[in-house]
Amino acid sequence: MRRYQSVDLPENRLLKAFVIRLAELLELRQDFLGEEEDELLPKIHSWLQSDEAQSIDRWDNVPPNNTLLSHRNYRRVWDSWRWLQSLDNDITRDFTQFDKREKIVLLWNEYGRKYLRENIFC
């Protein structure tokens, strides 16, 4: 029996999905916040165009392999993937509380101005 090595493994599918989503978010940050291009973005695009990345299929969102989760590097990718999945919900929740947070920032800025005035004139 012959076994052929392949990079098209569930772990690599997860990594590829993570990298694609990360690239999308970095591009959005650049477009909407006017920041310079992140130095990681060209490396991501280069890897995604490589033959190796092209041979990795789409992530099917299968449960993680518990043996692999014990591997520290795979665990980092899995945890980062889960965090990216919750990021959109976190942003939506933050926007629903925008007015409340703005009032808190204004209040603390006012406290800071009062504190600064008191310390200057003492």
N, C-alpha and C. Protein backbone atom coordinates (compact mmCIF):
# COMPACT_ATOMS: atom_id res chain seq x y z
N MET A 1 0.84 -1.17 0.00
CA MET A 1 0.00 0.00 0.00
C MET A 1 0.89 1.24 0.00
N ARG A 2 0.50 2.19 -0.81
CA ARG A 2 1.23 3.45 -0.88
C ARG A 2 0.39 4.55 -0.27
N ARG A 3 1.01 5.37 0.51
CA ARG A 3 0.33 6.53 1.06
C ARG A 3 0.99 7.78 0.49
N TYR A 4 0.17 8.65 0.01
CA TYR A 4 0.67 9.89 -0.56
C TYR A 4 0.48 11.02 0.44
N GLN A 5 1.51 11.79 0.60
CA GLN A 5 1.44 12.95 1.48
C GLN A 5 0.62 14.04 0.81
N SER A 6 -0.21 14.66 1.60
CA SER A 6 -1.05 15.73 1.08
C SER A 6 -1.12 16.86 2.11
N VAL A 7 -1.19 18.07 1.62
CA VAL A 7 -1.36 19.20 2.52
C VAL A 7 -2.84 19.50 2.72
N ASP A 8 -3.69 18.78 2.01
CA ASP A 8 -5.13 19.00 2.11
C ASP A 8 -5.70 18.24 3.31
N LEU A 9 -5.34 18.72 4.50
CA LEU A 9 -5.79 18.13 5.76
C LEU A 9 -6.76 19.10 6.43
N PRO A 10 -7.63 18.60 7.30
CA PRO A 10 -8.57 19.52 7.98
C PRO A 10 -7.86 20.66 8.72
N GLU A 11 -6.71 20.35 9.30
CA GLU A 11 -5.97 21.38 10.02
C GLU A 11 -5.51 22.50 9.09
N ASN A 12 -5.04 22.11 7.91
CA ASN A 12 -4.59 23.11 6.94
C ASN A 12 -5.77 23.85 6.32
N ARG A 13 -6.90 23.18 6.21
CA ARG A 13 -8.11 23.87 5.73
C ARG A 13 -8.51 24.96 6.70
N LEU A 14 -8.42 24.64 7.98
CA LEU A 14 -8.72 25.64 9.01
C LEU A 14 -7.73 26.80 8.92
N LEU A 15 -6.46 26.48 8.79
CA LEU A 15 -5.45 27.53 8.68
C LEU A 15 -5.71 28.42 7.47
N LYS A 16 -6.05 27.82 6.35
CA LYS A 16 -6.31 28.60 5.13
C LYS A 16 -7.54 29.50 5.33
N ALA A 17 -8.60 28.97 5.93
CA ALA A 17 -9.80 29.77 6.19
C ALA A 17 -9.47 30.92 7.13
N PHE A 18 -8.66 30.64 8.14
CA PHE A 18 -8.24 31.68 9.08
C PHE A 18 -7.46 32.77 8.38
N VAL A 19 -6.53 32.39 7.53
CA VAL A 19 -5.68 33.35 6.82
C VAL A 19 -6.52 34.20 5.86
N ILE A 20 -7.47 33.57 5.18
CA ILE A 20 -8.35 34.32 4.27
C ILE A 20 -9.15 35.35 5.03
N ARG A 21 -9.74 34.95 6.16
CA ARG A 21 -10.55 35.88 6.96
C ARG A 21 -9.69 36.99 7.54
N LEU A 22 -8.50 36.65 7.99
CA LEU A 22 -7.59 37.65 8.53
C LEU A 22 -7.22 38.68 7.45
N ALA A 23 -6.96 38.22 6.24
CA ALA A 23 -6.64 39.12 5.13
C ALA A 23 -7.81 40.05 4.85
N GLU A 24 -9.03 39.52 4.87
CA GLU A 24 -10.21 40.35 4.65
C GLU A 24 -10.31 41.45 5.70
N LEU A 25 -10.08 41.10 6.96
CA LEU A 25 -10.18 42.08 8.04
C LEU A 25 -9.06 43.12 7.96
N LEU A 26 -7.87 42.69 7.59
CA LEU A 26 -6.76 43.64 7.44
C LEU A 26 -7.04 44.62 6.30
N GLU A 27 -7.64 44.13 5.21
CA GLU A 27 -8.00 45.01 4.10
C GLU A 27 -9.10 45.98 4.50
N LEU A 28 -10.08 45.51 5.26
CA LEU A 28 -11.14 46.40 5.74
C LEU A 28 -10.58 47.47 6.66
N ARG A 29 -9.66 47.08 7.53
CA ARG A 29 -9.04 48.06 8.42
C ARG A 29 -8.30 49.12 7.63
N GLN A 30 -7.60 48.69 6.61
CA GLN A 30 -6.87 49.62 5.76
C GLN A 30 -7.84 50.55 5.02
N ASP A 31 -8.91 50.00 4.46
CA ASP A 31 -9.86 50.80 3.69
C ASP A 31 -10.64 51.79 4.54
N PHE A 32 -11.11 51.35 5.69
CA PHE A 32 -12.02 52.18 6.47
C PHE A 32 -11.32 53.04 7.52
N LEU A 33 -10.16 52.64 7.98
CA LEU A 33 -9.45 53.43 8.97
C LEU A 33 -8.30 54.22 8.37
N GLY A 34 -8.04 53.98 7.09
CA GLY A 34 -7.00 54.73 6.40
C GLY A 34 -5.60 54.39 6.88
N GLU A 35 -5.44 53.24 7.47
CA GLU A 35 -4.12 52.84 7.94
C GLU A 35 -3.28 52.32 6.78
N GLU A 36 -1.97 52.31 6.99
CA GLU A 36 -1.08 51.75 5.98
C GLU A 36 -1.29 50.25 5.89
N GLU A 37 -0.89 49.69 4.76
CA GLU A 37 -1.04 48.25 4.58
C GLU A 37 -0.20 47.51 5.61
N ASP A 38 -0.81 46.54 6.24
CA ASP A 38 -0.11 45.71 7.23
C ASP A 38 0.96 44.90 6.51
N GLU A 39 2.12 44.74 7.11
CA GLU A 39 3.22 44.02 6.46
C GLU A 39 2.91 42.53 6.28
N LEU A 40 1.91 42.03 7.00
CA LEU A 40 1.52 40.64 6.88
C LEU A 40 0.68 40.37 5.63
N LEU A 41 -0.03 41.39 5.16
CA LEU A 41 -0.96 41.22 4.06
C LEU A 41 -0.30 40.73 2.76
N PRO A 42 0.80 41.30 2.30
CA PRO A 42 1.44 40.76 1.08
C PRO A 42 1.91 39.31 1.25
N LYS A 43 2.36 38.97 2.45
CA LYS A 43 2.79 37.59 2.70
C LYS A 43 1.60 36.64 2.62
N ILE A 44 0.46 37.08 3.14
CA ILE A 44 -0.75 36.26 3.09
C ILE A 44 -1.16 36.04 1.64
N HIS A 45 -1.22 37.12 0.86
CA HIS A 45 -1.62 37.00 -0.54
C HIS A 45 -0.64 36.12 -1.33
N SER A 46 0.62 36.26 -1.03
CA SER A 46 1.62 35.43 -1.71
C SER A 46 1.41 33.95 -1.38
N TRP A 47 1.18 33.64 -0.10
CA TRP A 47 0.97 32.26 0.27
C TRP A 47 -0.33 31.71 -0.33
N LEU A 48 -1.39 32.51 -0.35
CA LEU A 48 -2.66 32.05 -0.90
C LEU A 48 -2.56 31.74 -2.40
N GLN A 49 -1.64 32.38 -3.08
CA GLN A 49 -1.46 32.13 -4.51
C GLN A 49 -0.49 30.99 -4.79
N SER A 50 0.14 30.47 -3.74
CA SER A 50 1.11 29.39 -3.93
C SER A 50 0.39 28.09 -4.30
N ASP A 51 1.12 27.18 -4.93
CA ASP A 51 0.56 25.88 -5.30
C ASP A 51 0.10 25.11 -4.07
N GLU A 52 0.87 25.24 -3.00
CA GLU A 52 0.54 24.54 -1.76
C GLU A 52 -0.83 24.99 -1.24
N ALA A 53 -1.05 26.29 -1.16
CA ALA A 53 -2.33 26.81 -0.66
C ALA A 53 -3.47 26.49 -1.63
N GLN A 54 -3.17 26.51 -2.91
CA GLN A 54 -4.21 26.22 -3.90
C GLN A 54 -4.68 24.77 -3.80
N SER A 55 -3.82 23.88 -3.33
CA SER A 55 -4.20 22.47 -3.24
C SER A 55 -5.00 22.16 -1.97
N ILE A 56 -5.16 23.14 -1.10
CA ILE A 56 -5.94 22.95 0.13
C ILE A 56 -7.39 23.35 -0.15
N ASP A 57 -8.30 22.42 0.10
CA ASP A 57 -9.73 22.68 -0.14
C ASP A 57 -10.32 23.62 0.90
N ARG A 58 -11.61 23.86 0.73
CA ARG A 58 -12.36 24.77 1.59
C ARG A 58 -12.60 24.13 2.95
N TRP A 59 -12.58 24.95 3.99
CA TRP A 59 -12.86 24.51 5.36
C TRP A 59 -14.35 24.20 5.50
N ASP A 60 -14.66 23.05 6.08
CA ASP A 60 -16.05 22.63 6.24
C ASP A 60 -16.56 22.80 7.66
N ASN A 61 -15.78 23.46 8.50
CA ASN A 61 -16.16 23.73 9.88
C ASN A 61 -16.41 22.45 10.67
N VAL A 62 -15.54 21.48 10.50
CA VAL A 62 -15.64 20.25 11.26
C VAL A 62 -15.09 20.47 12.66
N PRO A 63 -15.50 19.66 13.63
CA PRO A 63 -14.96 19.84 14.97
C PRO A 63 -13.46 19.57 14.99
N PRO A 64 -12.75 20.21 15.90
CA PRO A 64 -11.30 20.03 15.93
C PRO A 64 -10.91 18.64 16.39
N ASN A 65 -9.76 18.23 15.96
CA ASN A 65 -9.18 16.97 16.39
C ASN A 65 -8.58 17.18 17.78
N ASN A 66 -9.07 16.46 18.77
CA ASN A 66 -8.62 16.66 20.15
C ASN A 66 -7.13 16.42 20.33
N THR A 67 -6.58 15.50 19.58
CA THR A 67 -5.15 15.25 19.66
C THR A 67 -4.39 16.48 19.16
N LEU A 68 -4.88 17.04 18.05
CA LEU A 68 -4.21 18.23 17.52
C LEU A 68 -4.39 19.44 18.43
N LEU A 69 -5.53 19.52 19.11
CA LEU A 69 -5.74 20.66 20.01
C LEU A 69 -4.71 20.70 21.13
N SER A 70 -4.14 19.57 21.45
CA SER A 70 -3.10 19.56 22.48
C SER A 70 -1.78 20.11 21.93
N HIS A 71 -1.66 20.21 20.62
CA HIS A 71 -0.46 20.79 20.02
C HIS A 71 -0.57 22.31 20.13
N ARG A 72 0.42 22.96 20.72
CA ARG A 72 0.30 24.39 21.04
C ARG A 72 0.10 25.27 19.81
N ASN A 73 0.75 24.94 18.69
CA ASN A 73 0.60 25.79 17.50
C ASN A 73 -0.77 25.63 16.88
N TYR A 74 -1.27 24.39 16.82
CA TYR A 74 -2.61 24.19 16.26
C TYR A 74 -3.66 24.81 17.18
N ARG A 75 -3.46 24.70 18.47
CA ARG A 75 -4.38 25.30 19.44
C ARG A 75 -4.47 26.81 19.22
N ARG A 76 -3.35 27.43 18.95
CA ARG A 76 -3.36 28.88 18.70
C ARG A 76 -4.18 29.22 17.46
N VAL A 77 -4.03 28.45 16.41
CA VAL A 77 -4.80 28.69 15.19
C VAL A 77 -6.28 28.49 15.47
N TRP A 78 -6.63 27.41 16.17
CA TRP A 78 -8.04 27.13 16.47
C TRP A 78 -8.64 28.24 17.34
N ASP A 79 -7.93 28.66 18.37
CA ASP A 79 -8.44 29.72 19.23
C ASP A 79 -8.57 31.04 18.48
N SER A 80 -7.61 31.33 17.61
CA SER A 80 -7.68 32.55 16.80
C SER A 80 -8.84 32.49 15.82
N TRP A 81 -9.08 31.33 15.25
CA TRP A 81 -10.21 31.16 14.33
C TRP A 81 -11.52 31.42 15.07
N ARG A 82 -11.65 30.87 16.24
CA ARG A 82 -12.88 31.08 17.02
C ARG A 82 -13.04 32.56 17.38
N TRP A 83 -11.95 33.23 17.69
CA TRP A 83 -12.02 34.65 18.01
C TRP A 83 -12.45 35.46 16.78
N LEU A 84 -11.91 35.13 15.61
CA LEU A 84 -12.32 35.83 14.39
C LEU A 84 -13.80 35.63 14.11
N GLN A 85 -14.32 34.44 14.43
CA GLN A 85 -15.73 34.17 14.20
C GLN A 85 -16.61 35.04 15.10
N SER A 86 -16.15 35.36 16.29
CA SER A 86 -16.95 36.17 17.21
C SER A 86 -16.74 37.67 17.02
N LEU A 87 -15.75 38.04 16.22
CA LEU A 87 -15.42 39.45 16.06
C LEU A 87 -16.58 40.28 15.50
N ASP A 88 -17.28 39.77 14.50
CA ASP A 88 -18.41 40.51 13.93
C ASP A 88 -19.51 40.74 14.98
N ASN A 89 -19.79 39.74 15.78
CA ASN A 89 -20.79 39.90 16.84
C ASN A 89 -20.34 40.90 17.89
N ASP A 90 -19.05 40.88 18.21
CA ASP A 90 -18.51 41.83 19.19
C ASP A 90 -18.64 43.26 18.68
N ILE A 91 -18.34 43.47 17.41
CA ILE A 91 -18.44 44.81 16.83
C ILE A 91 -19.89 45.27 16.81
N THR A 92 -20.81 44.39 16.46
CA THR A 92 -22.24 44.73 16.46
C THR A 92 -22.69 45.11 17.85
N ARG A 93 -22.28 44.34 18.85
CA ARG A 93 -22.64 44.64 20.23
C ARG A 93 -22.06 45.99 20.65
N ASP A 94 -20.83 46.27 20.27
CA ASP A 94 -20.22 47.55 20.61
C ASP A 94 -20.99 48.72 19.99
N PHE A 95 -21.44 48.55 18.75
CA PHE A 95 -22.20 49.62 18.10
C PHE A 95 -23.54 49.87 18.79
N THR A 96 -24.14 48.83 19.34
CA THR A 96 -25.42 49.04 20.04
C THR A 96 -25.21 49.84 21.32
N GLN A 97 -24.01 49.82 21.86
CA GLN A 97 -23.70 50.55 23.09
C GLN A 97 -22.89 51.81 22.82
N PHE A 98 -22.87 52.26 21.58
CA PHE A 98 -22.01 53.38 21.20
C PHE A 98 -22.35 54.65 21.97
N ASP A 99 -23.63 55.00 22.05
CA ASP A 99 -24.02 56.24 22.75
C ASP A 99 -23.62 56.20 24.22
N LYS A 100 -23.86 55.07 24.85
CA LYS A 100 -23.50 54.93 26.27
C LYS A 100 -22.00 55.08 26.46
N ARG A 101 -21.23 54.47 25.60
CA ARG A 101 -19.76 54.55 25.72
C ARG A 101 -19.26 55.96 25.42
N GLU A 102 -19.90 56.63 24.46
CA GLU A 102 -19.51 58.00 24.16
C GLU A 102 -19.73 58.90 25.36
N LYS A 103 -20.84 58.72 26.07
CA LYS A 103 -21.11 59.52 27.27
C LYS A 103 -20.07 59.26 28.35
N ILE A 104 -19.66 58.01 28.49
CA ILE A 104 -18.64 57.68 29.48
C ILE A 104 -17.31 58.33 29.13
N VAL A 105 -16.95 58.31 27.86
CA VAL A 105 -15.69 58.94 27.43
C VAL A 105 -15.75 60.44 27.68
N LEU A 106 -16.86 61.07 27.34
CA LEU A 106 -17.01 62.51 27.58
C LEU A 106 -16.92 62.84 29.06
N LEU A 107 -17.56 62.02 29.89
CA LEU A 107 -17.52 62.23 31.34
C LEU A 107 -16.09 62.15 31.86
N TRP A 108 -15.35 61.12 31.45
CA TRP A 108 -13.98 60.98 31.93
C TRP A 108 -13.06 62.06 31.38
N ASN A 109 -13.31 62.51 30.16
CA ASN A 109 -12.53 63.62 29.63
C ASN A 109 -12.79 64.89 30.44
N GLU A 110 -14.03 65.11 30.85
CA GLU A 110 -14.37 66.27 31.69
C GLU A 110 -13.69 66.16 33.05
N TYR A 111 -13.70 64.97 33.64
CA TYR A 111 -12.99 64.77 34.91
C TYR A 111 -11.50 65.08 34.74
N GLY A 112 -10.92 64.65 33.63
CA GLY A 112 -9.51 64.92 33.37
C GLY A 112 -9.22 66.40 33.23
N ARG A 113 -10.10 67.12 32.53
CA ARG A 113 -9.91 68.57 32.40
C ARG A 113 -10.02 69.27 33.75
N LYS A 114 -10.99 68.86 34.58
CA LYS A 114 -11.14 69.46 35.92
C LYS A 114 -9.91 69.17 36.77
N TYR A 115 -9.41 67.97 36.71
CA TYR A 115 -8.24 67.59 37.49
C TYR A 115 -7.03 68.41 37.03
N LEU A 116 -6.88 68.57 35.73
CA LEU A 116 -5.76 69.33 35.18
C LEU A 116 -5.85 70.79 35.62
N ARG A 117 -7.05 71.38 35.56
CA ARG A 117 -7.23 72.79 35.98
C ARG A 117 -6.90 72.96 37.45
N GLU A 118 -7.33 72.05 38.31
CA GLU A 118 -7.08 72.16 39.74
C GLU A 118 -5.60 72.05 40.05
N ASN A 119 -4.89 71.18 39.34
CA ASN A 119 -3.46 71.00 39.61
C ASN A 119 -2.63 72.15 39.05
N ILE A 120 -3.09 72.79 37.99
CA ILE A 120 -2.35 73.92 37.43
C ILE A 120 -2.45 75.13 38.33
N PHE A 121 -3.61 75.38 38.91
CA PHE A 121 -3.83 76.60 39.68
C PHE A 121 -3.48 76.44 41.16
N CYS A 122 -3.04 75.28 41.57
CA CYS A 122 -2.69 75.09 42.99
C CYS A 122 -1.27 75.51 43.26
